Amino acid sequence: MPTHGTFNPEQVLIEGEQIGLIDFDDFCMAEPALDVALFRAAIKDIGMNALDGSMARNREIRLARLARLDLIGEVFLAEYEKHAPISRQRVALWEAWSYLRDALHFWTKVKPAEPDNGLLMLESHLRDMGIYQSARAGDAVKQPRKSISTPKFRSIALACAVIASIW
């Protein structure tokens, strides 16, 4: 099926009753779940990046914002399902891929002053999929071993493995 390839809210133009799409650089043939997942991921990314500096560094505020954005994404997906069939599992897979890509992009840019929203969204999404359990506030914290296998690295490695095994 024809697919936009990088679909996000910034590429939707609305004037009155008319809707148009722009930026077809990554136009391709793919399953509809790709565009739906990219749109949902973009909603979260835009919403998370809209927090001002002090709010963006507060984990509780970021998690609350992410929960609200998850609800917006769910409303979008539910409305989409009213008009066309779609595999929620495939949407979840593409969404995980998008968050993984964002987390890896953040790490390659090394911007320590910015919150790692990509990783936060990836961890949350993998938890929602039931394939990742990270320590939450109030959980007992284990002493870290001297290893490169930090929790963040493990979540990224897990996401890579899940995506590779499902693809």
Foldseek 3Di string as FASTA:
>chain_A
DWDQQQAEPVQWDDDPPDIDGDDSPRIDDDDPLLNLLNHLLRLLVVQLVPDDQVLNVDPVSSVVSNVVSVVVSVVSVVVVCVPDPDDPVSNLLSNLVVLLVLQVVCVVVPDVSGDSSSLVNNQVSCVVVVNDDDDDPPDDDDDDDPDPPDVSNVSSVSSVVVSVVVD
